[in-house]
């Protein structure tokens, strides 16, 4: 059985325009969440 990497699956999925739009929206949400975590850690906030 051939091993398929996540990058290969993602490359194929990103050929679908609707998937690409939704994927990019999720990437933005994740970047914002990462920024919030970093800011909270920098300020010593835990919750």
PDB file of N, CA and C in Angstrom:
ATOM      1  N   UNK A   1       0.841  -1.167   0.000  1.00  0.00           N
ATOM      2  CA  UNK A   1       0.000   0.000   0.000  1.00  0.00           C
ATOM      3  C   UNK A   1       0.897   1.245   0.000  1.00  0.00           C
ATOM      4  N   UNK A   2       0.592   2.193  -0.881  1.00  0.00           N
ATOM      5  CA  UNK A   2       1.387   3.410  -0.995  1.00  0.00           C
ATOM      6  C   UNK A   2       1.069   4.371   0.145  1.00  0.00           C
ATOM      7  N   UNK A   3       2.101   4.959   0.702  1.00  0.00           N
ATOM      8  CA  UNK A   3       1.933   5.964   1.745  1.00  0.00           C
ATOM      9  C   UNK A   3       1.658   7.303   1.088  1.00  0.00           C
ATOM     10  N   UNK A   4       0.654   8.006   1.594  1.00  0.00           N
ATOM     11  CA  UNK A   4       0.301   9.327   1.074  1.00  0.00           C
ATOM     12  C   UNK A   4       0.545  10.344   2.184  1.00  0.00           C
ATOM     13  N   UNK A   5       1.280  11.382   1.864  1.00  0.00           N
ATOM     14  CA  UNK A   5       1.580  12.401   2.865  1.00  0.00           C
ATOM     15  C   UNK A   5       0.429  13.411   2.948  1.00  0.00           C
ATOM     16  N   UNK A   6       0.400  14.120   4.050  1.00  0.00           N
ATOM     17  CA  UNK A   6      -0.597  15.165   4.224  1.00  0.00           C
ATOM     18  C   UNK A   6      -0.442  16.231   3.142  1.00  0.00           C
ATOM     19  N   UNK A   7       0.795  16.576   2.814  1.00  0.00           N
ATOM     20  CA  UNK A   7       1.032  17.576   1.774  1.00  0.00           C
ATOM     21  C   UNK A   7       0.459  17.140   0.427  1.00  0.00           C
ATOM     22  N   UNK A   8       0.551  15.860   0.105  1.00  0.00           N
ATOM     23  CA  UNK A   8      -0.004  15.347  -1.152  1.00  0.00           C
ATOM     24  C   UNK A   8      -1.524  15.451  -1.154  1.00  0.00           C
ATOM     25  N   UNK A   9      -2.135  15.102  -0.034  1.00  0.00           N
ATOM     26  CA  UNK A   9      -3.595  15.183   0.078  1.00  0.00           C
ATOM     27  C   UNK A   9      -4.043  16.628  -0.033  1.00  0.00           C
ATOM     28  N   UNK A  10      -3.345  17.500   0.670  1.00  0.00           N
ATOM     29  CA  UNK A  10      -3.702  18.915   0.668  1.00  0.00           C
ATOM     30  C   UNK A  10      -3.542  19.517  -0.725  1.00  0.00           C
ATOM     31  N   UNK A  11      -2.476  19.177  -1.398  1.00  0.00           N
ATOM     32  CA  UNK A  11      -2.254  19.680  -2.758  1.00  0.00           C
ATOM     33  C   UNK A  11      -3.420  19.305  -3.672  1.00  0.00           C
ATOM     34  N   UNK A  12      -3.873  18.074  -3.560  1.00  0.00           N
ATOM     35  CA  UNK A  12      -5.000  17.610  -4.378  1.00  0.00           C
ATOM     36  C   UNK A  12      -6.290  18.335  -3.990  1.00  0.00           C
ATOM     37  N   UNK A  13      -6.545  18.460  -2.685  1.00  0.00           N
ATOM     38  CA  UNK A  13      -7.765  19.120  -2.209  1.00  0.00           C
ATOM     39  C   UNK A  13      -7.807  20.588  -2.615  1.00  0.00           C
ATOM     40  N   UNK A  14      -6.632  21.246  -2.619  1.00  0.00           N
ATOM     41  CA  UNK A  14      -6.578  22.667  -2.940  1.00  0.00           C
ATOM     42  C   UNK A  14      -6.869  22.964  -4.406  1.00  0.00           C
ATOM     43  N   UNK A  15      -6.979  21.934  -5.211  1.00  0.00           N
ATOM     44  CA  UNK A  15      -7.401  22.120  -6.601  1.00  0.00           C
ATOM     45  C   UNK A  15      -8.882  22.494  -6.674  1.00  0.00           C
ATOM     46  N   UNK A  16      -9.622  22.155  -5.629  1.00  0.00           N
ATOM     47  CA  UNK A  16     -11.052  22.480  -5.539  1.00  0.00           C
ATOM     48  C   UNK A  16     -11.180  23.912  -5.021  1.00  0.00           C
ATOM     49  N   UNK A  17     -11.779  24.798  -5.813  1.00  0.00           N
ATOM     50  CA  UNK A  17     -11.870  26.218  -5.466  1.00  0.00           C
ATOM     51  C   UNK A  17     -12.610  26.454  -4.152  1.00  0.00           C
ATOM     52  N   UNK A  18     -13.710  25.758  -3.940  1.00  0.00           N
ATOM     53  CA  UNK A  18     -14.478  25.941  -2.708  1.00  0.00           C
ATOM     54  C   UNK A  18     -13.663  25.513  -1.484  1.00  0.00           C
ATOM     55  N   UNK A  19     -12.984  24.375  -1.598  1.00  0.00           N
ATOM     56  CA  UNK A  19     -12.135  23.908  -0.502  1.00  0.00           C
ATOM     57  C   UNK A  19     -11.042  24.927  -0.210  1.00  0.00           C
ATOM     58  N   UNK A  20     -10.435  25.467  -1.259  1.00  0.00           N
ATOM     59  CA  UNK A  20      -9.361  26.439  -1.096  1.00  0.00           C
ATOM     60  C   UNK A  20      -9.834  27.664  -0.325  1.00  0.00           C
ATOM     61  N   UNK A  21     -11.005  28.177  -0.669  1.00  0.00           N
ATOM     62  CA  UNK A  21     -11.562  29.348   0.021  1.00  0.00           C
ATOM     63  C   UNK A  21     -11.763  29.048   1.497  1.00  0.00           C
ATOM     64  N   UNK A  22     -12.377  27.917   1.791  1.00  0.00           N
ATOM     65  CA  UNK A  22     -12.634  27.542   3.183  1.00  0.00           C
ATOM     66  C   UNK A  22     -11.332  27.287   3.940  1.00  0.00           C
ATOM     67  N   UNK A  23     -10.379  26.670   3.289  1.00  0.00           N
ATOM     68  CA  UNK A  23      -9.077  26.392   3.906  1.00  0.00           C
ATOM     69  C   UNK A  23      -8.375  27.696   4.279  1.00  0.00           C
ATOM     70  N   UNK A  24      -8.407  28.654   3.370  1.00  0.00           N
ATOM     71  CA  UNK A  24      -7.756  29.939   3.629  1.00  0.00           C
ATOM     72  C   UNK A  24      -8.430  30.675   4.783  1.00  0.00           C
ATOM     73  N   UNK A  25      -9.749  30.585   4.882  1.00  0.00           N
ATOM     74  CA  UNK A  25     -10.458  31.204   6.009  1.00  0.00           C
ATOM     75  C   UNK A  25     -10.022  30.572   7.330  1.00  0.00           C
ATOM     76  N   UNK A  26      -9.871  29.262   7.346  1.00  0.00           N
ATOM     77  CA  UNK A  26      -9.439  28.569   8.558  1.00  0.00           C
ATOM     78  C   UNK A  26      -8.003  28.929   8.913  1.00  0.00           C
ATOM     79  N   UNK A  27      -7.167  29.104   7.901  1.00  0.00           N
ATOM     80  CA  UNK A  27      -5.785  29.518   8.164  1.00  0.00           C
ATOM     81  C   UNK A  27      -5.754  30.867   8.864  1.00  0.00           C
ATOM     82  N   UNK A  28      -6.594  31.795   8.422  1.00  0.00           N
ATOM     83  CA  UNK A  28      -6.666  33.125   9.041  1.00  0.00           C
ATOM     84  C   UNK A  28      -7.102  33.004  10.496  1.00  0.00           C
ATOM     85  N   UNK A  29      -8.128  32.197  10.743  1.00  0.00           N
ATOM     86  CA  UNK A  29      -8.604  31.988  12.120  1.00  0.00           C
ATOM     87  C   UNK A  29      -7.487  31.426  13.000  1.00  0.00           C
ATOM     88  N   UNK A  30      -6.747  30.463  12.466  1.00  0.00           N
ATOM     89  CA  UNK A  30      -5.657  29.857  13.236  1.00  0.00           C
ATOM     90  C   UNK A  30      -4.541  30.854  13.528  1.00  0.00           C
ATOM     91  N   UNK A  31      -4.226  31.708  12.572  1.00  0.00           N
ATOM     92  CA  UNK A  31      -3.188  32.717  12.785  1.00  0.00           C
ATOM     93  C   UNK A  31      -3.617  33.694  13.876  1.00  0.00           C
ATOM     94  N   UNK A  32      -4.875  34.093  13.863  1.00  0.00           N
ATOM     95  CA  UNK A  32      -5.384  34.990  14.898  1.00  0.00           C
ATOM     96  C   UNK A  32      -5.303  34.316  16.264  1.00  0.00           C
ATOM     97  N   UNK A  33      -5.709  33.062  16.337  1.00  0.00           N
ATOM     98  CA  UNK A  33      -5.661  32.327  17.599  1.00  0.00           C
ATOM     99  C   UNK A  33      -4.220  32.219  18.107  1.00  0.00           C
ATOM    100  N   UNK A  34      -3.275  31.968  17.221  1.00  0.00           N
ATOM    101  CA  UNK A  34      -1.868  31.887  17.617  1.00  0.00           C
ATOM    102  C   UNK A  34      -1.387  33.227  18.161  1.00  0.00           C
ATOM    103  N   UNK A  35      -1.811  34.320  17.531  1.00  0.00           N
ATOM    104  CA  UNK A  35      -1.427  35.650  17.997  1.00  0.00           C
ATOM    105  C   UNK A  35      -1.991  35.912  19.388  1.00  0.00           C
ATOM    106  N   UNK A  36      -3.228  35.532  19.619  1.00  0.00           N
ATOM    107  CA  UNK A  36      -3.855  35.732  20.922  1.00  0.00           C
ATOM    108  C   UNK A  36      -3.095  34.950  21.990  1.00  0.00           C
ATOM    109  N   UNK A  37      -2.753  33.715  21.697  1.00  0.00           N
ATOM    110  CA  UNK A  37      -2.003  32.894  22.651  1.00  0.00           C
ATOM    111  C   UNK A  37      -0.667  33.549  22.968  1.00  0.00           C
ATOM    112  N   UNK A  38       0.046  33.996  21.947  1.00  0.00           N
ATOM    113  CA  UNK A  38       1.344  34.640  22.166  1.00  0.00           C
ATOM    114  C   UNK A  38       1.207  35.896  23.012  1.00  0.00           C
ATOM    115  N   UNK A  39       0.216  36.715  22.721  1.00  0.00           N
ATOM    116  CA  UNK A  39       0.012  37.945  23.481  1.00  0.00           C
ATOM    117  C   UNK A  39      -0.343  37.645  24.932  1.00  0.00           C
ATOM    118  N   UNK A  40      -1.200  36.643  25.132  1.00  0.00           N
ATOM    119  CA  UNK A  40      -1.596  36.285  26.499  1.00  0.00           C
ATOM    120  C   UNK A  40      -0.382  35.760  27.275  1.00  0.00           C
ATOM    121  N   UNK A  41       0.439  34.957  26.647  1.00  0.00           N
ATOM    122  CA  UNK A  41       1.625  34.434  27.309  1.00  0.00           C
ATOM    123  C   UNK A  41       2.593  35.561  27.650  1.00  0.00           C
ATOM    124  N   UNK A  42       2.744  36.491  26.735  1.00  0.00           N
ATOM    125  CA  UNK A  42       3.653  37.609  26.961  1.00  0.00           C
ATOM    126  C   UNK A  42       3.204  38.467  28.149  1.00  0.00           C
ATOM    127  N   UNK A  43       1.897  38.581  28.302  1.00  0.00           N
ATOM    128  CA  UNK A  43       1.343  39.383  29.392  1.00  0.00           C
ATOM    129  C   UNK A  43       1.120  38.578  30.677  1.00  0.00           C
ATOM    130  N   UNK A  44       1.436  37.285  30.649  1.00  0.00           N
ATOM    131  CA  UNK A  44       1.318  36.448  31.828  1.00  0.00           C
ATOM    132  C   UNK A  44      -0.118  36.048  32.156  1.00  0.00           C
ATOM    133  N   UNK A  45      -0.979  36.092  31.159  1.00  0.00           N
ATOM    134  CA  UNK A  45      -2.375  35.693  31.369  1.00  0.00           C
ATOM    135  C   UNK A  45      -2.523  34.198  31.100  1.00  0.00           C
ATOM    136  N   UNK A  46      -3.287  33.520  31.955  1.00  0.00           N
ATOM    137  CA  UNK A  46      -3.427  32.075  31.820  1.00  0.00           C
ATOM    138  C   UNK A  46      -4.805  31.637  31.369  1.00  0.00           C
ATOM    139  N   UNK A  47      -5.782  32.515  31.476  1.00  0.00           N
ATOM    140  CA  UNK A  47      -7.138  32.112  31.077  1.00  0.00           C
ATOM    141  C   UNK A  47      -7.742  33.098  30.130  1.00  0.00           C
TER     142      UNK A  47
END
